Amino acid sequence: MIDGEFEEGMSMTAIVLQALMATRDKEKVNVRWPLEKAVVYLGEGYENVEEKIKIFLPLILKQANLKDLQFVQTNVSMVAGEHTVTFPYGSVVLDLAVTKALEEEGFAREIMRRVQTLRKEAGLQKEDRIELVVHVEGVHLSAWAGALAERCGANTVHLEHTKKFSHMIDGEIKGKKFVVGFDRL
């Protein structure tokens, strides 16, 4: 790929990513909450977009927090409907169905953010290790214990609230009560 083609692919990637993020904003779906897929409907004259941005697909999936991105060629310049945003190349439609696995990932990401905020408020540095408790009402995060430990700097992760920790917060995320706490080791 020559530099001009690479730059064109990057530019197209930015436009597609902007459309995906605009669709998330329209639907009020925070980027921390993963989605199974989105479909990009490409209008006439934009048949080359998928080919030009395919090397950037992993970046798009990560930035938009999608598991899959599909492209569909259409002779209609815009596909209208619910969960749809139009952009220069066509339209973007999000699949807003939430599976149990996607829900658990979303809660894990939210909890990670809250723990990072609590660590900062406690004056901890990145290298400081903690013992962490995480409990979200009705959500099983056992599959995420390793990621929680790694991203939150925890040696131990408890998924049940069994004792009092020196740094604690509680609240609600999407209508479900949570408790997060830790002690510095």
C-alpha atoms as a PDB file:
ATOM      1  CA  MET A   1       0.000   0.000   0.000  1.00  0.00           C
ATOM      2  CA  ILE A   2       1.478   3.360  -0.935  1.00  0.00           C
ATOM      3  CA  ASP A   3       1.361   6.295   1.482  1.00  0.00           C
ATOM      4  CA  GLY A   4      -1.503   8.042  -0.315  1.00  0.00           C
ATOM      5  CA  GLU A   5      -3.664   4.925  -0.119  1.00  0.00           C
ATOM      6  CA  PHE A   6      -2.763   4.458   3.558  1.00  0.00           C
ATOM      7  CA  GLU A   7      -3.725   8.052   4.334  1.00  0.00           C
ATOM      8  CA  GLU A   8      -6.973   7.668   2.402  1.00  0.00           C
ATOM      9  CA  GLY A   9      -7.740   4.509   4.398  1.00  0.00           C
ATOM     10  CA  MET A  10      -7.013   6.336   7.655  1.00  0.00           C
ATOM     11  CA  SER A  11      -9.255   9.204   6.633  1.00  0.00           C
ATOM     12  CA  MET A  12     -12.078   6.818   5.715  1.00  0.00           C
ATOM     13  CA  THR A  13     -11.554   4.965   9.005  1.00  0.00           C
ATOM     14  CA  ALA A  14     -11.941   8.217  10.944  1.00  0.00           C
ATOM     15  CA  ILE A  15     -15.202   8.984   9.134  1.00  0.00           C
ATOM     16  CA  VAL A  16     -16.635   5.491   9.778  1.00  0.00           C
ATOM     17  CA  LEU A  17     -15.529   5.612  13.423  1.00  0.00           C
ATOM     18  CA  GLN A  18     -17.092   9.052  13.845  1.00  0.00           C
ATOM     19  CA  ALA A  19     -20.377   7.670  12.445  1.00  0.00           C
ATOM     20  CA  LEU A  20     -20.248   4.700  14.835  1.00  0.00           C
ATOM     21  CA  MET A  21     -19.648   6.987  17.805  1.00  0.00           C
ATOM     22  CA  ALA A  22     -22.433   9.345  16.676  1.00  0.00           C
ATOM     23  CA  THR A  23     -24.790   6.369  16.544  1.00  0.00           C
ATOM     24  CA  ARG A  24     -23.780   5.359  20.074  1.00  0.00           C
ATOM     25  CA  ASP A  25     -24.386   8.943  21.221  1.00  0.00           C
ATOM     26  CA  LYS A  26     -27.801   9.037  19.543  1.00  0.00           C
ATOM     27  CA  GLU A  27     -28.779   5.781  21.252  1.00  0.00           C
ATOM     28  CA  LYS A  28     -27.219   6.858  24.577  1.00  0.00           C
ATOM     29  CA  VAL A  29     -24.967   3.772  24.706  1.00  0.00           C
ATOM     30  CA  ASN A  30     -21.711   4.624  26.450  1.00  0.00           C
ATOM     31  CA  VAL A  31     -18.626   3.264  24.715  1.00  0.00           C
ATOM     32  CA  ARG A  32     -17.736   1.284  27.880  1.00  0.00           C
ATOM     33  CA  TRP A  33     -20.722  -0.938  27.100  1.00  0.00           C
ATOM     34  CA  PRO A  34     -19.843  -3.447  24.369  1.00  0.00           C
ATOM     35  CA  LEU A  35     -22.148  -4.195  21.460  1.00  0.00           C
ATOM     36  CA  GLU A  36     -22.257  -7.364  19.404  1.00  0.00           C
ATOM     37  CA  LYS A  37     -22.188  -5.667  16.027  1.00  0.00           C
ATOM     38  CA  ALA A  38     -22.870  -2.721  13.800  1.00  0.00           C
ATOM     39  CA  VAL A  39     -23.724  -2.706  10.109  1.00  0.00           C
ATOM     40  CA  VAL A  40     -22.356  -0.045   7.777  1.00  0.00           C
ATOM     41  CA  TYR A  41     -24.531   0.374   4.694  1.00  0.00           C
ATOM     42  CA  LEU A  42     -22.378   1.818   1.925  1.00  0.00           C
ATOM     43  CA  GLY A  43     -24.160   3.807  -0.768  1.00  0.00           C
ATOM     44  CA  GLU A  44     -23.384   3.960  -4.464  1.00  0.00           C
ATOM     45  CA  GLY A  45     -19.910   5.207  -5.228  1.00  0.00           C
ATOM     46  CA  TYR A  46     -18.488   3.972  -1.911  1.00  0.00           C
ATOM     47  CA  GLU A  47     -17.854   0.349  -2.842  1.00  0.00           C
ATOM     48  CA  ASN A  48     -14.139   0.722  -2.048  1.00  0.00           C
ATOM     49  CA  VAL A  49     -14.545   1.892   1.569  1.00  0.00           C
ATOM     50  CA  GLU A  50     -14.562  -1.595   3.100  1.00  0.00           C
ATOM     51  CA  GLU A  51     -11.422  -2.621   1.207  1.00  0.00           C
ATOM     52  CA  LYS A  52      -9.567   0.598   2.057  1.00  0.00           C
ATOM     53  CA  ILE A  53     -10.236   0.395   5.801  1.00  0.00           C
ATOM     54  CA  LYS A  54     -10.002  -3.351   6.385  1.00  0.00           C
ATOM     55  CA  ILE A  55      -6.452  -3.093   7.786  1.00  0.00           C
ATOM     56  CA  PHE A  56      -7.838  -0.672  10.372  1.00  0.00           C
ATOM     57  CA  LEU A  57     -10.740  -2.957  11.364  1.00  0.00           C
ATOM     58  CA  PRO A  58      -9.181  -4.081  14.699  1.00  0.00           C
ATOM     59  CA  LEU A  59      -8.724  -0.416  15.650  1.00  0.00           C
ATOM     60  CA  ILE A  60     -12.331   0.399  14.733  1.00  0.00           C
ATOM     61  CA  LEU A  61     -13.662  -2.566  16.719  1.00  0.00           C
ATOM     62  CA  LYS A  62     -11.621  -1.584  19.774  1.00  0.00           C
ATOM     63  CA  GLN A  63     -12.406   2.140  19.629  1.00  0.00           C
ATOM     64  CA  ALA A  64     -16.143   1.583  19.059  1.00  0.00           C
ATOM     65  CA  ASN A  65     -16.244  -1.393  21.493  1.00  0.00           C
ATOM     66  CA  LEU A  66     -17.831  -3.731  18.960  1.00  0.00           C
ATOM     67  CA  LYS A  67     -17.390  -7.469  18.526  1.00  0.00           C
ATOM     68  CA  ASP A  68     -18.163  -7.362  14.785  1.00  0.00           C
ATOM     69  CA  LEU A  69     -18.553  -4.801  12.018  1.00  0.00           C
ATOM     70  CA  GLN A  70     -20.298  -5.729   8.802  1.00  0.00           C
ATOM     71  CA  PHE A  71     -20.427  -3.829   5.533  1.00  0.00           C
ATOM     72  CA  VAL A  72     -23.353  -4.010   3.129  1.00  0.00           C
ATOM     73  CA  GLN A  73     -23.366  -2.447  -0.330  1.00  0.00           C
ATOM     74  CA  THR A  74     -26.669  -0.838  -1.202  1.00  0.00           C
ATOM     75  CA  ASN A  75     -27.917   1.202  -4.105  1.00  0.00           C
ATOM     76  CA  VAL A  76     -29.804   3.407  -1.671  1.00  0.00           C
ATOM     77  CA  SER A  77     -27.698   6.302  -0.417  1.00  0.00           C
ATOM     78  CA  MET A  78     -29.142   6.062   3.105  1.00  0.00           C
ATOM     79  CA  VAL A  79     -30.821   3.308   5.080  1.00  0.00           C
ATOM     80  CA  ALA A  80     -33.219   4.995   7.472  1.00  0.00           C
ATOM     81  CA  GLY A  81     -34.645   3.585  10.631  1.00  0.00           C
ATOM     82  CA  GLU A  82     -34.330   3.161  14.339  1.00  0.00           C
ATOM     83  CA  HIS A  83     -30.771   2.953  15.722  1.00  0.00           C
ATOM     84  CA  THR A  84     -29.458   4.502  12.475  1.00  0.00           C
ATOM     85  CA  VAL A  85     -27.216   7.464  11.745  1.00  0.00           C
ATOM     86  CA  THR A  86     -26.392   8.645   8.249  1.00  0.00           C
ATOM     87  CA  PHE A  87     -22.907   9.760   7.281  1.00  0.00           C
ATOM     88  CA  PRO A  88     -21.123  10.682   4.031  1.00  0.00           C
ATOM     89  CA  TYR A  89     -20.696   7.063   2.864  1.00  0.00           C
ATOM     90  CA  GLY A  90     -24.179   5.808   3.803  1.00  0.00           C
ATOM     91  CA  SER A  91     -25.642   4.733   7.150  1.00  0.00           C
ATOM     92  CA  VAL A  92     -24.679   2.950  10.351  1.00  0.00           C
ATOM     93  CA  VAL A  93     -27.042   0.674  12.263  1.00  0.00           C
ATOM     94  CA  LEU A  94     -26.198  -0.669  15.725  1.00  0.00           C
ATOM     95  CA  ASP A  95     -27.349  -4.020  17.067  1.00  0.00           C
ATOM     96  CA  LEU A  96     -28.462  -3.007  20.567  1.00  0.00           C
ATOM     97  CA  ALA A  97     -29.312  -6.522  21.784  1.00  0.00           C
ATOM     98  CA  VAL A  98     -27.509  -7.179  25.058  1.00  0.00           C
ATOM     99  CA  THR A  99     -26.500 -10.720  25.911  1.00  0.00           C
ATOM    100  CA  LYS A 100     -25.531 -11.820  29.416  1.00  0.00           C
ATOM    101  CA  ALA A 101     -21.849 -11.850  28.370  1.00  0.00           C
ATOM    102  CA  LEU A 102     -22.055  -8.301  26.960  1.00  0.00           C
ATOM    103  CA  GLU A 103     -23.821  -7.107  30.100  1.00  0.00           C
ATOM    104  CA  GLU A 104     -21.133  -8.643  32.332  1.00  0.00           C
ATOM    105  CA  GLU A 105     -18.394  -7.026  30.241  1.00  0.00           C
ATOM    106  CA  GLY A 106     -20.138  -3.655  30.458  1.00  0.00           C
ATOM    107  CA  PHE A 107     -20.464  -3.875  34.236  1.00  0.00           C
ATOM    108  CA  ALA A 108     -16.825  -4.991  34.538  1.00  0.00           C
ATOM    109  CA  ARG A 109     -15.700  -1.958  32.515  1.00  0.00           C
ATOM    110  CA  GLU A 110     -17.823   0.383  34.636  1.00  0.00           C
ATOM    111  CA  ILE A 111     -16.442  -1.131  37.835  1.00  0.00           C
ATOM    112  CA  MET A 112     -12.859  -0.800  36.551  1.00  0.00           C
ATOM    113  CA  ARG A 113     -13.450   2.888  35.928  1.00  0.00           C
ATOM    114  CA  ARG A 114     -14.930   3.370  39.416  1.00  0.00           C
ATOM    115  CA  VAL A 115     -12.009   1.531  41.035  1.00  0.00           C
ATOM    116  CA  GLN A 116      -9.511   3.684  39.125  1.00  0.00           C
ATOM    117  CA  THR A 117     -11.302   6.824  40.327  1.00  0.00           C
ATOM    118  CA  LEU A 118     -11.316   5.534  43.910  1.00  0.00           C
ATOM    119  CA  ARG A 119      -7.599   4.657  43.683  1.00  0.00           C
ATOM    120  CA  LYS A 120      -6.860   8.187  42.495  1.00  0.00           C
ATOM    121  CA  GLU A 121      -8.939   9.724  45.307  1.00  0.00           C
ATOM    122  CA  ALA A 122      -7.016   7.531  47.798  1.00  0.00           C
ATOM    123  CA  GLY A 123      -3.718   8.877  46.461  1.00  0.00           C
ATOM    124  CA  LEU A 124      -2.508   5.517  45.155  1.00  0.00           C
ATOM    125  CA  GLN A 125       0.103   5.221  42.428  1.00  0.00           C
ATOM    126  CA  LYS A 126      -0.073   2.769  39.543  1.00  0.00           C
ATOM    127  CA  GLU A 127       2.450   0.434  41.212  1.00  0.00           C
ATOM    128  CA  ASP A 128       0.489   0.312  44.511  1.00  0.00           C
ATOM    129  CA  ARG A 129      -1.267  -3.041  44.950  1.00  0.00           C
ATOM    130  CA  ILE A 130      -4.682  -3.546  46.555  1.00  0.00           C
ATOM    131  CA  GLU A 131      -7.064  -6.163  47.903  1.00  0.00           C
ATOM    132  CA  LEU A 132     -10.330  -5.503  46.041  1.00  0.00           C
ATOM    133  CA  VAL A 133     -13.972  -6.325  46.670  1.00  0.00           C
ATOM    134  CA  VAL A 134     -16.516  -5.952  43.865  1.00  0.00           C
ATOM    135  CA  HIS A 135     -20.184  -6.836  44.068  1.00  0.00           C
ATOM    136  CA  VAL A 136     -22.902  -5.944  41.565  1.00  0.00           C
ATOM    137  CA  GLU A 137     -26.418  -7.044  42.422  1.00  0.00           C
ATOM    138  CA  GLY A 138     -27.535  -9.844  40.093  1.00  0.00           C
ATOM    139  CA  VAL A 139     -24.398  -9.748  37.907  1.00  0.00           C
ATOM    140  CA  HIS A 140     -21.776 -12.497  37.975  1.00  0.00           C
ATOM    141  CA  LEU A 141     -18.326 -11.090  37.307  1.00  0.00           C
ATOM    142  CA  SER A 142     -16.300 -14.252  37.976  1.00  0.00           C
ATOM    143  CA  ALA A 143     -15.225 -14.415  34.307  1.00  0.00           C
ATOM    144  CA  TRP A 144     -13.848 -10.880  34.734  1.00  0.00           C
ATOM    145  CA  ALA A 145     -11.949 -11.384  38.020  1.00  0.00           C
ATOM    146  CA  GLY A 146      -8.601 -11.682  36.229  1.00  0.00           C
ATOM    147  CA  ALA A 147      -9.150  -8.557  34.145  1.00  0.00           C
ATOM    148  CA  LEU A 148     -10.371  -6.664  37.212  1.00  0.00           C
ATOM    149  CA  ALA A 149      -7.233  -7.688  39.113  1.00  0.00           C
ATOM    150  CA  GLU A 150      -4.924  -6.755  36.251  1.00  0.00           C
ATOM    151  CA  ARG A 151      -6.493  -3.407  35.361  1.00  0.00           C
ATOM    152  CA  CYS A 152      -7.145  -2.341  38.946  1.00  0.00           C
ATOM    153  CA  GLY A 153      -3.784  -3.353  40.428  1.00  0.00           C
ATOM    154  CA  ALA A 154      -5.309  -5.967  42.727  1.00  0.00           C
ATOM    155  CA  ASN A 155      -3.529  -8.996  44.150  1.00  0.00           C
ATOM    156  CA  THR A 156      -6.868 -10.403  45.305  1.00  0.00           C
ATOM    157  CA  VAL A 157     -10.418  -9.848  44.011  1.00  0.00           C
ATOM    158  CA  HIS A 158     -13.418 -10.781  46.170  1.00  0.00           C
ATOM    159  CA  LEU A 159     -16.727 -10.934  44.321  1.00  0.00           C
ATOM    160  CA  GLU A 160     -18.856 -10.918  47.464  1.00  0.00           C
ATOM    161  CA  HIS A 161     -18.982  -8.076  49.961  1.00  0.00           C
ATOM    162  CA  THR A 162     -17.760  -9.886  53.084  1.00  0.00           C
ATOM    163  CA  LYS A 163     -15.868  -7.265  55.088  1.00  0.00           C
ATOM    164  CA  LYS A 164     -15.312  -3.549  55.478  1.00  0.00           C
ATOM    165  CA  PHE A 165     -12.488  -2.016  53.457  1.00  0.00           C
ATOM    166  CA  SER A 166     -10.756   1.294  54.141  1.00  0.00           C
ATOM    167  CA  HIS A 167     -11.794   2.753  50.762  1.00  0.00           C
ATOM    168  CA  MET A 168     -15.370   2.021  49.674  1.00  0.00           C
ATOM    169  CA  ILE A 169     -18.054   3.336  47.371  1.00  0.00           C
ATOM    170  CA  ASP A 170     -21.507   2.123  46.522  1.00  0.00           C
ATOM    171  CA  GLY A 171     -24.191   3.213  44.130  1.00  0.00           C
ATOM    172  CA  GLU A 172     -26.154   2.105  41.095  1.00  0.00           C
ATOM    173  CA  ILE A 173     -25.156   1.280  37.556  1.00  0.00           C
ATOM    174  CA  LYS A 174     -28.032   0.792  35.150  1.00  0.00           C
ATOM    175  CA  GLY A 175     -30.419   0.256  38.062  1.00  0.00           C
ATOM    176  CA  LYS A 176     -28.277  -2.388  39.789  1.00  0.00           C
ATOM    177  CA  LYS A 177     -26.681  -1.691  43.156  1.00  0.00           C
ATOM    178  CA  PHE A 178     -22.928  -2.121  43.454  1.00  0.00           C
ATOM    179  CA  VAL A 179     -20.250  -2.011  46.138  1.00  0.00           C
ATOM    180  CA  VAL A 180     -16.552  -1.512  45.461  1.00  0.00           C
ATOM    181  CA  GLY A 181     -13.890  -1.368  48.112  1.00  0.00           C
ATOM    182  CA  PHE A 182     -10.209  -1.941  48.669  1.00  0.00           C
ATOM    183  CA  ASP A 183      -7.357  -1.900  51.094  1.00  0.00           C
ATOM    184  CA  ARG A 184      -3.853  -0.944  50.064  1.00  0.00           C
ATOM    185  CA  LEU A 185      -1.407  -3.797  50.507  1.00  0.00           C
END
